[in-house]
Protein backbone atom coordinates (compact mmCIF):
# COMPACT_ATOMS: atom_id res chain seq x y z
CA MET A 1 0.15 -0.06 -0.30
CA ASN A 2 1.28 3.61 -0.74
CA THR A 3 0.70 6.70 1.17
CA SER A 4 0.27 9.50 -1.20
CA ASN A 5 3.46 11.38 -0.19
CA GLY A 6 5.75 8.21 -0.43
CA THR A 7 5.57 7.35 3.16
CA PRO A 8 5.31 3.72 4.18
CA GLU A 9 2.05 2.35 6.09
CA ASN A 10 3.11 0.04 8.85
CA SER A 11 0.91 -2.51 7.86
CA VAL A 12 2.32 -5.07 10.09
CA SER A 13 0.31 -4.93 13.13
CA GLN A 14 1.64 -3.49 16.33
CA ASP A 15 1.09 -6.41 18.87
CA ALA A 16 4.22 -6.34 20.95
CA VAL A 17 6.74 -8.64 21.35
CA ASP A 18 9.66 -9.08 23.40
CA ILE A 19 12.69 -9.59 21.06
CA SER A 20 12.60 -8.30 17.28
CA VAL A 21 15.63 -9.91 15.49
CA VAL A 22 16.49 -8.16 12.16
CA VAL A 23 18.80 -9.74 9.90
CA PRO A 24 19.96 -7.81 6.58
CA VAL A 25 20.11 -10.36 3.90
CA TYR A 26 22.96 -10.08 0.96
CA HIS A 27 23.61 -13.51 -0.75
CA GLY A 28 22.57 -15.26 2.28
CA ALA A 29 20.61 -18.29 0.30
CA THR A 30 23.08 -21.15 1.74
CA THR A 31 23.29 -19.81 5.36
CA LEU A 32 19.60 -18.66 5.93
CA PRO A 33 18.41 -22.28 6.27
CA ALA A 34 20.76 -22.91 9.06
CA LEU A 35 20.38 -20.06 10.96
CA VAL A 36 16.44 -19.41 11.23
CA PRO A 37 15.81 -22.88 13.24
CA ARG A 38 18.89 -21.89 15.14
CA VAL A 39 17.38 -18.62 16.24
CA ILE A 40 13.95 -19.80 16.74
CA ASP A 41 15.25 -22.86 19.29
CA VAL A 42 17.51 -20.08 20.88
CA LEU A 43 14.59 -17.67 21.76
CA GLN A 44 11.85 -20.30 22.68
CA LYS A 45 13.99 -21.73 24.85
CA ILE A 46 14.27 -18.21 26.91
CA GLY A 47 10.69 -17.87 27.04
CA ARG A 48 10.29 -14.66 25.36
CA SER A 49 7.94 -13.85 22.27
CA PHE A 50 9.62 -13.03 19.48
CA GLU A 51 9.75 -12.17 15.93
CA ILE A 52 12.43 -12.48 12.63
CA LEU A 53 12.76 -9.97 10.32
CA LEU A 54 14.60 -10.82 7.26
CA VAL A 55 15.53 -7.84 4.99
CA ASP A 56 16.51 -8.86 1.37
CA ASP A 57 19.00 -6.07 0.30
CA GLY A 58 18.90 -6.58 -3.09
CA SER A 59 20.38 -10.53 -3.50
CA LYS A 60 21.30 -12.34 -6.87
CA ASP A 61 21.70 -15.55 -5.73
CA GLY A 62 18.29 -16.28 -4.82
CA SER A 63 18.03 -15.39 -1.16
CA TRP A 64 14.48 -13.96 -1.57
CA LYS A 65 13.12 -17.35 -2.74
CA VAL A 66 14.60 -19.15 0.55
CA ILE A 67 13.30 -16.25 2.70
CA ARG A 68 10.27 -16.70 1.45
CA GLU A 69 10.21 -20.23 2.06
CA LEU A 70 11.66 -19.76 5.66
CA GLN A 71 8.16 -17.40 6.28
CA ALA A 72 6.15 -20.17 4.79
CA THR A 73 7.69 -22.63 7.02
CA HIS A 74 7.54 -20.38 10.32
CA PRO A 75 4.70 -17.91 9.50
CA ARG A 76 4.39 -17.03 13.11
CA GLU A 77 8.15 -16.14 13.84
CA VAL A 78 9.37 -14.70 10.36
CA VAL A 79 8.54 -11.56 8.70
CA ALA A 80 10.32 -11.31 5.18
CA VAL A 81 11.08 -7.79 3.65
CA GLN A 82 12.29 -7.78 -0.01
CA LEU A 83 14.15 -4.12 -1.30
CA MET A 84 13.81 -3.10 -5.03
CA ARG A 85 17.66 -2.89 -4.76
CA ASN A 86 20.66 -3.13 -2.75
CA TYR A 87 21.04 -0.15 -0.58
CA GLY A 88 23.82 -1.56 1.71
CA GLN A 89 23.46 -2.95 5.33
CA HIS A 90 22.82 0.22 7.36
CA ASN A 91 19.69 1.43 5.04
CA ALA A 92 18.19 -2.28 5.19
CA LEU A 93 18.49 -2.37 8.81
CA MET A 94 16.75 0.99 9.07
CA ALA A 95 13.76 -0.73 6.54
CA GLY A 96 13.83 -3.50 9.35
CA PHE A 97 14.05 -1.35 12.40
CA ARG A 98 10.76 0.49 11.20
CA LEU A 99 8.69 -2.66 10.97
CA THR A 100 9.76 -4.19 14.22
CA ARG A 101 7.73 -4.79 17.21
CA GLY A 102 9.78 -5.97 19.55
CA ALA A 103 11.07 -3.90 22.91
CA LEU A 104 14.19 -5.03 22.30
CA ILE A 105 15.85 -5.06 18.80
CA VAL A 106 18.82 -7.86 18.01
CA THR A 107 20.88 -7.24 14.88
CA MET A 108 22.95 -9.79 13.41
CA ASP A 109 24.80 -11.01 10.02
CA GLU A 110 23.13 -13.69 7.95
CA ASP A 111 26.31 -15.83 7.55
CA LEU A 112 26.39 -17.24 11.14
CA GLN A 113 29.66 -15.67 12.40
CA HIS A 114 27.37 -14.20 15.06
CA PRO A 115 26.23 -17.04 16.91
CA PRO A 116 22.39 -17.12 17.92
CA GLU A 117 23.58 -19.01 20.88
CA GLU A 118 24.84 -15.92 22.30
CA VAL A 119 21.61 -13.59 21.97
CA PRO A 120 20.32 -14.18 25.37
CA ARG A 121 23.75 -12.99 27.05
CA LEU A 122 23.26 -9.69 25.01
CA VAL A 123 19.31 -9.93 26.60
CA GLU A 124 20.75 -10.34 30.09
CA ALA A 125 23.44 -7.37 29.86
CA ILE A 126 21.03 -5.05 28.45
CA GLU A 127 18.62 -5.79 31.31
CA THR A 128 20.85 -6.05 34.31
CA GLN A 129 23.33 -3.19 33.37
CA ASN A 130 20.54 -0.91 32.80
CA LEU A 131 21.71 0.08 29.40
CA ASP A 132 20.20 1.36 26.16
CA LEU A 133 22.79 -0.37 23.42
CA VAL A 134 25.08 -3.33 24.14
CA TYR A 135 27.56 -4.51 21.48
CA GLY A 136 28.31 -8.29 21.36
CA THR A 137 32.27 -7.86 20.46
CA TYR A 138 35.00 -10.21 19.76
CA ASP A 139 38.86 -10.41 20.65
CA LYS A 140 39.78 -11.84 17.18
CA LYS A 141 37.58 -11.33 14.24
CA LYS A 142 37.21 -14.63 11.40
CA HIS A 143 38.02 -12.10 8.69
CA ALA A 144 40.49 -11.38 6.18
CA GLY A 145 43.30 -9.41 7.41
CA TRP A 146 42.67 -6.32 5.31
CA ARG A 147 38.83 -6.65 6.42
CA ASN A 148 39.76 -6.24 10.26
CA LEU A 149 42.24 -3.74 9.54
CA GLY A 150 39.28 -1.57 7.96
CA SER A 151 36.71 -2.62 11.02
CA THR A 152 39.74 -1.28 13.53
CA LEU A 153 40.00 2.12 11.58
CA ILE A 154 36.12 2.61 11.59
CA ASN A 155 36.33 1.55 15.61
CA TRP A 156 39.10 4.01 15.94
CA PHE A 157 37.00 6.74 14.05
CA TYR A 158 33.99 6.00 15.93
CA GLY A 159 36.01 6.31 19.27
CA PHE A 160 37.71 9.40 18.48
CA VAL A 161 34.09 11.02 17.14
CA PHE A 162 32.00 9.95 19.70
CA ARG A 163 34.32 9.62 22.79
CA LEU A 164 32.81 6.15 23.86
CA PRO A 165 35.20 3.22 25.42
CA VAL A 166 33.29 0.82 23.27
CA HIS A 167 33.56 -1.04 19.89
CA PRO A 168 30.71 -0.93 17.66
CA SER A 169 29.71 -4.44 15.64
CA ALA A 170 26.83 -5.71 13.68
CA PHE A 171 25.66 -8.30 16.78
CA ARG A 172 23.82 -5.47 18.67
CA ILE A 173 20.95 -5.49 21.19
CA ILE A 174 18.97 -2.36 21.11
CA ARG A 175 16.28 -0.71 23.35
CA ARG A 176 12.91 0.40 21.47
CA GLU A 177 13.15 3.68 23.44
CA LEU A 178 16.61 4.21 21.73
CA LEU A 179 15.48 3.04 18.25
CA GLU A 180 12.73 5.15 17.88
CA CYS A 181 14.88 8.11 18.48
CA ILE A 182 16.18 7.38 15.05
CA PHE A 183 13.42 6.71 12.92
CA SER A 184 13.01 10.48 12.12
CA TYR A 185 16.26 10.11 9.74
CA SER A 186 15.47 9.21 6.34
CA LEU A 187 18.47 10.39 4.56
CA ASN A 188 20.38 7.84 2.41
CA TYR A 189 23.55 8.07 3.61
CA THR A 190 23.21 6.12 6.99
CA TYR A 191 25.58 5.10 10.03
CA ILE A 192 23.28 3.37 12.49
CA ASP A 193 26.12 3.27 15.66
CA GLY A 194 26.55 6.96 15.32
CA LEU A 195 22.48 7.87 15.20
CA LEU A 196 22.43 5.54 18.37
CA ALA A 197 25.37 7.02 19.80
CA TRP A 198 23.70 10.34 19.01
CA ASN A 199 20.80 9.62 21.26
CA SER A 200 22.46 7.98 24.14
CA ASP A 201 25.66 7.25 26.27
CA ARG A 202 24.12 4.00 28.06
CA ILE A 203 26.50 1.92 25.75
CA GLY A 204 28.19 -1.40 26.88
CA GLU A 205 29.48 -4.37 25.50
CA ILE A 206 30.19 -7.99 26.32
CA ASP A 207 33.03 -10.31 24.62
CA VAL A 208 31.04 -13.00 22.39
CA ALA A 209 32.31 -16.05 20.29
CA HIS A 210 32.71 -14.91 16.48
CA LYS A 211 32.56 -18.22 14.01
CA GLU A 212 33.91 -18.70 10.56
CA ARG A 213 31.88 -17.55 7.70
CA ALA A 214 29.71 -20.50 7.15
CA GLY A 215 29.39 -19.84 3.41
CA GLY A 216 29.43 -17.24 0.45
CA GLN A 217 31.44 -14.20 0.40
CA SER A 218 31.06 -10.99 2.56
CA GLY A 219 29.12 -8.40 1.19
CA TYR A 220 31.95 -5.87 2.60
CA SER A 221 34.70 -4.96 0.31
CA LEU A 222 37.47 -2.52 1.08
CA THR A 223 35.80 0.21 -0.94
CA LYS A 224 32.46 -0.25 0.82
CA LEU A 225 34.24 -0.33 4.21
CA VAL A 226 35.83 3.04 3.18
CA LEU A 227 32.70 4.44 2.14
CA LEU A 228 31.53 3.59 5.65
CA ALA A 229 34.03 5.49 7.33
CA LEU A 230 33.34 8.33 4.74
CA ASN A 231 29.73 7.97 6.43
CA LEU A 232 30.78 7.99 9.99
CA PHE A 233 33.09 11.15 9.41
CA THR A 234 30.90 13.12 6.76
CA ASN A 235 27.57 12.40 8.78
CA PHE A 236 29.08 12.99 12.16
CA SER A 237 32.01 15.51 12.62
CA LEU A 238 33.34 18.31 10.90
CA LEU A 239 37.32 17.01 11.69
CA PRO A 240 38.09 16.19 7.92
CA LEU A 241 37.25 19.88 7.01
CA GLN A 242 38.97 20.85 10.59
CA ILE A 243 42.39 19.10 9.33
CA VAL A 244 41.91 20.69 5.89
CA SER A 245 42.36 24.15 7.89
CA PHE A 246 45.16 23.34 10.21
CA CYS A 247 47.10 22.19 6.90
CA GLY A 248 46.37 25.53 4.94
CA VAL A 249 47.09 27.32 8.33
CA THR A 250 50.49 25.63 8.60
CA ALA A 251 51.25 25.96 5.00
CA SER A 252 50.70 29.54 5.18
CA VAL A 253 52.77 29.83 8.10
CA GLY A 254 55.50 27.93 6.64
CA GLY A 255 55.50 29.88 3.41
CA ILE A 256 55.37 33.05 5.32
CA VAL A 257 58.53 32.05 7.30
CA LEU A 258 60.62 30.76 4.23
CA ALA A 259 59.87 34.25 2.37
CA PHE A 260 61.52 35.76 5.85
CA TYR A 261 64.09 33.09 5.42
CA TYR A 262 65.21 33.74 2.07
CA LEU A 263 64.70 37.64 2.00
CA PHE A 264 67.11 37.89 4.80
CA LYS A 265 69.72 35.57 3.06
CA PHE A 266 69.30 37.88 -0.12
CA LEU A 267 69.85 41.27 2.13
CA PHE A 268 72.53 40.28 4.27
CA HIS A 269 74.71 37.47 2.06
CA ALA A 270 74.04 39.36 -1.32
CA SER A 271 72.98 36.25 -3.00
CA ALA A 272 70.44 34.37 -4.44
CA THR A 273 70.24 30.72 -4.08
CA PRO A 274 68.92 28.61 -7.43
CA GLY A 275 65.45 27.75 -6.12
CA TYR A 276 64.12 25.54 -8.96
CA ALA A 277 63.69 22.37 -6.81
CA SER A 278 62.43 24.28 -3.54
CA THR A 279 59.88 25.89 -5.78
CA ILE A 280 58.82 23.02 -7.09
CA ILE A 281 58.27 21.22 -4.09
CA VAL A 282 56.28 23.65 -2.34
CA VAL A 283 54.14 24.27 -5.59
CA LEU A 284 53.47 20.38 -5.34
CA VAL A 285 52.86 20.41 -1.69
CA LEU A 286 50.34 23.51 -1.75
CA GLY A 287 48.88 22.39 -4.66
CA GLY A 288 48.03 18.65 -3.39
CA ILE A 289 46.73 20.39 0.10
CA GLN A 290 44.18 22.06 -2.29
CA LEU A 291 43.21 19.33 -3.92
CA LEU A 292 42.41 17.48 -1.16
CA ALA A 293 40.88 20.25 0.49
CA LEU A 294 38.29 20.44 -2.81
CA GLY A 295 37.92 16.89 -2.14
CA ILE A 296 36.94 16.95 1.15
CA MET A 297 34.60 19.81 0.64
CA GLY A 298 33.12 17.89 -2.52
CA GLU A 299 32.59 14.82 -0.42
CA TYR A 300 30.12 17.20 1.80
CA ILE A 301 28.52 19.19 -0.83
CA GLY A 302 28.06 15.77 -2.62
CA ARG A 303 26.22 14.24 0.21
CA LEU A 304 24.16 17.63 0.58
CA HIS A 305 23.34 17.87 -2.88
CA LEU A 306 21.75 13.99 -3.16
CA ASN A 307 20.19 14.24 0.42
CA VAL A 308 18.46 17.42 -0.94
CA ASN A 309 17.13 15.73 -4.03
CA ARG A 310 15.99 12.99 -1.51
CA LYS A 311 17.82 9.95 -2.49
CA PRO A 312 16.04 7.53 -0.96
CA GLN A 313 16.93 5.67 2.26
CA TYR A 314 15.59 2.35 0.75
CA SER A 315 12.60 1.30 -1.32
CA VAL A 316 10.42 -1.29 0.00
CA ARG A 317 8.88 -3.95 -2.83
CA GLN A 318 7.11 -6.15 -0.36
CA VAL A 319 6.47 -7.13 2.96
CA LEU A 320 5.40 -10.99 4.02
CA SER A 321 3.87 -11.69 7.61
CA ARG A 322 0.97 -13.18 8.91
CA HIS A 323 0.07 -10.12 11.01
CA ALA A 324 -0.59 -7.85 8.14
CA ARG A 325 -3.65 -10.18 6.13
CA SER A 326 -4.30 -9.23 2.81
CA GLU A 327 -7.94 -10.11 1.21
CA GLU A 328 -6.49 -12.64 -1.31
CA SER A 329 -4.66 -15.37 0.91
CA GLY A 330 -3.68 -15.35 4.29
CA ILE A 331 -0.18 -13.86 3.85
CA GLY A 332 0.16 -9.81 3.96
CA VAL A 333 1.99 -8.41 1.21
CA ARG A 334 2.86 -4.61 1.09
CA GLN A 335 3.67 -2.94 -1.79
CA PRO A 336 6.50 -0.73 -2.58
CA THR A 337 7.25 2.06 -0.14
CA VAL A 338 10.12 4.40 0.02
CA GLY A 339 12.53 4.30 3.60
CA ARG A 340 10.66 7.56 4.99
CA PRO A 341 9.50 7.83 8.99
CA ALA A 342 6.24 6.04 9.53
CA GLN A 343 3.50 8.34 9.86
CA GLU A 344 0.79 6.40 11.94
């Protein structure tokens, strides 16, 4: 169902559950059949009402077919969400968040590197420590070296920008009160952990196991990790612009000092030192700083341009859930909507 202003109607029933598990899916056809039963088993054992939202983020490997089958097999537990193309993990999470009904919301990857058996520990931590957000962190990630390096860099950026002594990860649990604070964010360049940190400092972490990837390849390439780091810095910090300003001031002061030095030599030694090499070096250094400054400012301006033009955060093709009944069948089907805050 579409609204006239392109805002998604929440056709999923608002009957609350204890826990919502949101899983962004990108090429997870081989791992989902093992993941969903494990999540169901774990949450049934702790005696909590729950739902599992599987958000297909434009997969090309038949993931949506697998998700549909899982929803048909577990209609009471699984909500199937299909996006119209690939929007990235954090935008896919926002699509899932706006459909959740849980008092606590767990996010995890579909590749079985986040063991579902660790979810009860996340639940215990957030409830006993009076926190709004708890990350499941790990001493050693089962990733390639370059991926671990990229994650370390992003974690350092996060700590520097937000001054929080935690290491964000995709395995997290969030209180609904905090989650609802970020629903109004409808822009495309989404960084979930930054939005959450803007709204609460009651954030903690616990050590959890991290397993080898069960199948397929990670959707995060080096390029995507760099873009994620850019999202963090350009959306939540002016530090890049401040660094460029500092470089500009330093270069200017250095140029003035160098000018006085050569003027002094000329006046008191009556000789001019041939300066071809030094001239080239100065031109290259200052030119490089200028290009860097233009590039960083262009990054900010470009993001403003796309956001002003309302590049969608995501667009939903359909949602399958027993909580939204259609007249034709017992399965609720929601037609395409765009990623804007829901209007009740």
